């Protein structure tokens, strides 16, 4: 059930397939997460403007979607772990990296 979605500017040359594997298995090591339930994917973004538009417009945003029930502390730990794995992987401080955890709507989530 956990979903990792990586949005990234499509001109980055940072090994997205390898990053997805790292994120996938990092999440599997977190409390309350079962490896067999994780779905990880990437979506290239073609048109991006960041800040004043003069910084190269390079970004990676990691979204983790979970069913409700986890503490804010655990969600923060998960977001920070995914952010750090991404930072370590890309090793380029000019790429804006962000991560967030959102909750799925349990009543409407169907699998």
Protein backbone atom coordinates (compact mmCIF):
# COMPACT_ATOMS: atom_id res chain seq x y z
CA UNK A 1 0.00 0.00 0.00
CA UNK A 2 2.73 2.62 0.52
CA UNK A 3 3.38 4.51 -2.70
CA UNK A 4 6.62 6.32 -3.44
CA UNK A 5 6.27 8.77 -6.30
CA UNK A 6 9.35 10.58 -7.57
CA UNK A 7 8.76 13.62 -9.75
CA UNK A 8 11.93 14.90 -11.42
CA UNK A 9 12.92 17.28 -14.17
CA UNK A 10 13.37 15.13 -17.22
CA UNK A 11 16.79 16.52 -18.18
CA UNK A 12 18.51 15.24 -15.02
CA UNK A 13 21.15 12.57 -15.50
CA UNK A 14 21.12 11.07 -12.02
CA UNK A 15 20.22 7.40 -12.45
CA UNK A 16 16.52 7.44 -11.61
CA UNK A 17 16.07 3.61 -11.79
CA UNK A 18 18.83 3.16 -9.20
CA UNK A 19 17.36 5.91 -7.02
CA UNK A 20 13.95 4.20 -7.10
CA UNK A 21 15.47 0.97 -5.82
CA UNK A 22 17.27 2.78 -3.01
CA UNK A 23 14.10 4.59 -1.95
CA UNK A 24 12.06 1.40 -2.17
CA UNK A 25 14.35 -0.59 0.11
CA UNK A 26 14.94 2.33 2.49
CA UNK A 27 11.20 2.54 3.07
CA UNK A 28 11.03 -1.22 3.59
CA UNK A 29 13.41 -0.78 6.55
CA UNK A 30 11.03 1.62 8.32
CA UNK A 31 8.66 0.62 11.11
CA UNK A 32 5.16 -0.47 10.03
CA UNK A 33 6.11 -1.03 6.36
CA UNK A 34 6.06 -4.36 4.55
CA UNK A 35 8.32 -4.66 1.50
CA UNK A 36 5.71 -6.62 -0.48
CA UNK A 37 3.22 -3.74 -0.20
CA UNK A 38 5.44 -0.91 -1.52
CA UNK A 39 4.90 0.52 -5.01
CA UNK A 40 7.60 2.88 -6.30
CA UNK A 41 7.53 4.87 -9.52
CA UNK A 42 8.99 7.96 -11.18
CA UNK A 43 7.31 10.63 -13.25
CA UNK A 44 9.46 12.90 -15.44
CA UNK A 45 8.37 16.52 -15.43
CA UNK A 46 8.97 18.51 -18.61
CA UNK A 47 8.11 22.06 -17.63
CA UNK A 48 9.35 23.45 -14.32
CA UNK A 49 10.00 26.93 -12.98
CA UNK A 50 11.75 27.21 -9.62
CA UNK A 51 12.25 30.49 -7.75
CA UNK A 52 13.29 33.20 -10.21
CA UNK A 53 13.62 30.71 -13.08
CA UNK A 54 17.34 31.36 -13.49
CA UNK A 55 18.76 28.51 -11.41
CA UNK A 56 18.53 25.76 -14.01
CA UNK A 57 15.15 24.53 -12.82
CA UNK A 58 16.39 21.16 -11.57
CA UNK A 59 14.27 19.37 -9.00
CA UNK A 60 13.37 16.04 -7.48
CA UNK A 61 10.29 15.74 -5.28
CA UNK A 62 9.59 12.51 -3.40
CA UNK A 63 6.04 11.89 -2.23
CA UNK A 64 5.25 9.02 0.10
CA UNK A 65 1.57 8.13 0.28
CA UNK A 66 0.42 6.08 3.27
CA UNK A 67 -2.86 4.96 4.78
CA UNK A 68 -3.68 6.85 8.00
CA UNK A 69 -2.53 5.67 11.40
CA UNK A 70 1.15 6.51 11.66
CA UNK A 71 2.41 9.15 14.06
CA UNK A 72 3.71 12.49 12.81
CA UNK A 73 7.10 11.54 14.24
CA UNK A 74 7.26 8.33 12.18
CA UNK A 75 6.10 10.14 9.03
CA UNK A 76 8.80 12.78 9.57
CA UNK A 77 11.42 10.04 10.04
CA UNK A 78 10.30 8.39 6.79
CA UNK A 79 10.37 11.67 4.84
CA UNK A 80 13.81 12.55 6.16
CA UNK A 81 15.17 9.09 5.29
CA UNK A 82 13.86 9.31 1.73
CA UNK A 83 15.20 12.87 1.36
CA UNK A 84 18.65 11.84 2.62
CA UNK A 85 18.85 8.82 0.30
CA UNK A 86 17.96 11.13 -2.59
CA UNK A 87 20.55 13.75 -1.54
CA UNK A 88 23.25 11.09 -1.21
CA UNK A 89 22.33 9.61 -4.59
CA UNK A 90 22.30 12.78 -6.68
CA UNK A 91 25.33 14.49 -5.06
CA UNK A 92 24.43 17.78 -6.77
CA UNK A 93 23.51 20.68 -4.52
CA UNK A 94 22.04 22.63 -7.43
CA UNK A 95 19.11 20.19 -7.64
CA UNK A 96 16.25 21.26 -5.37
CA UNK A 97 15.22 18.22 -3.35
CA UNK A 98 12.02 17.94 -1.36
CA UNK A 99 10.11 15.10 0.29
CA UNK A 100 6.71 14.81 1.90
CA UNK A 101 4.36 12.25 3.37
CA UNK A 102 0.67 12.41 2.56
CA UNK A 103 -2.17 10.25 3.75
CA UNK A 104 -4.41 8.30 1.43
CA UNK A 105 -8.13 8.46 2.02
CA UNK A 106 -8.71 5.09 3.68
CA UNK A 107 -12.43 4.91 2.91
CA UNK A 108 -11.89 5.28 -0.84
CA UNK A 109 -8.55 3.51 -1.31
CA UNK A 110 -9.16 0.32 -3.28
CA UNK A 111 -6.62 -2.33 -4.13
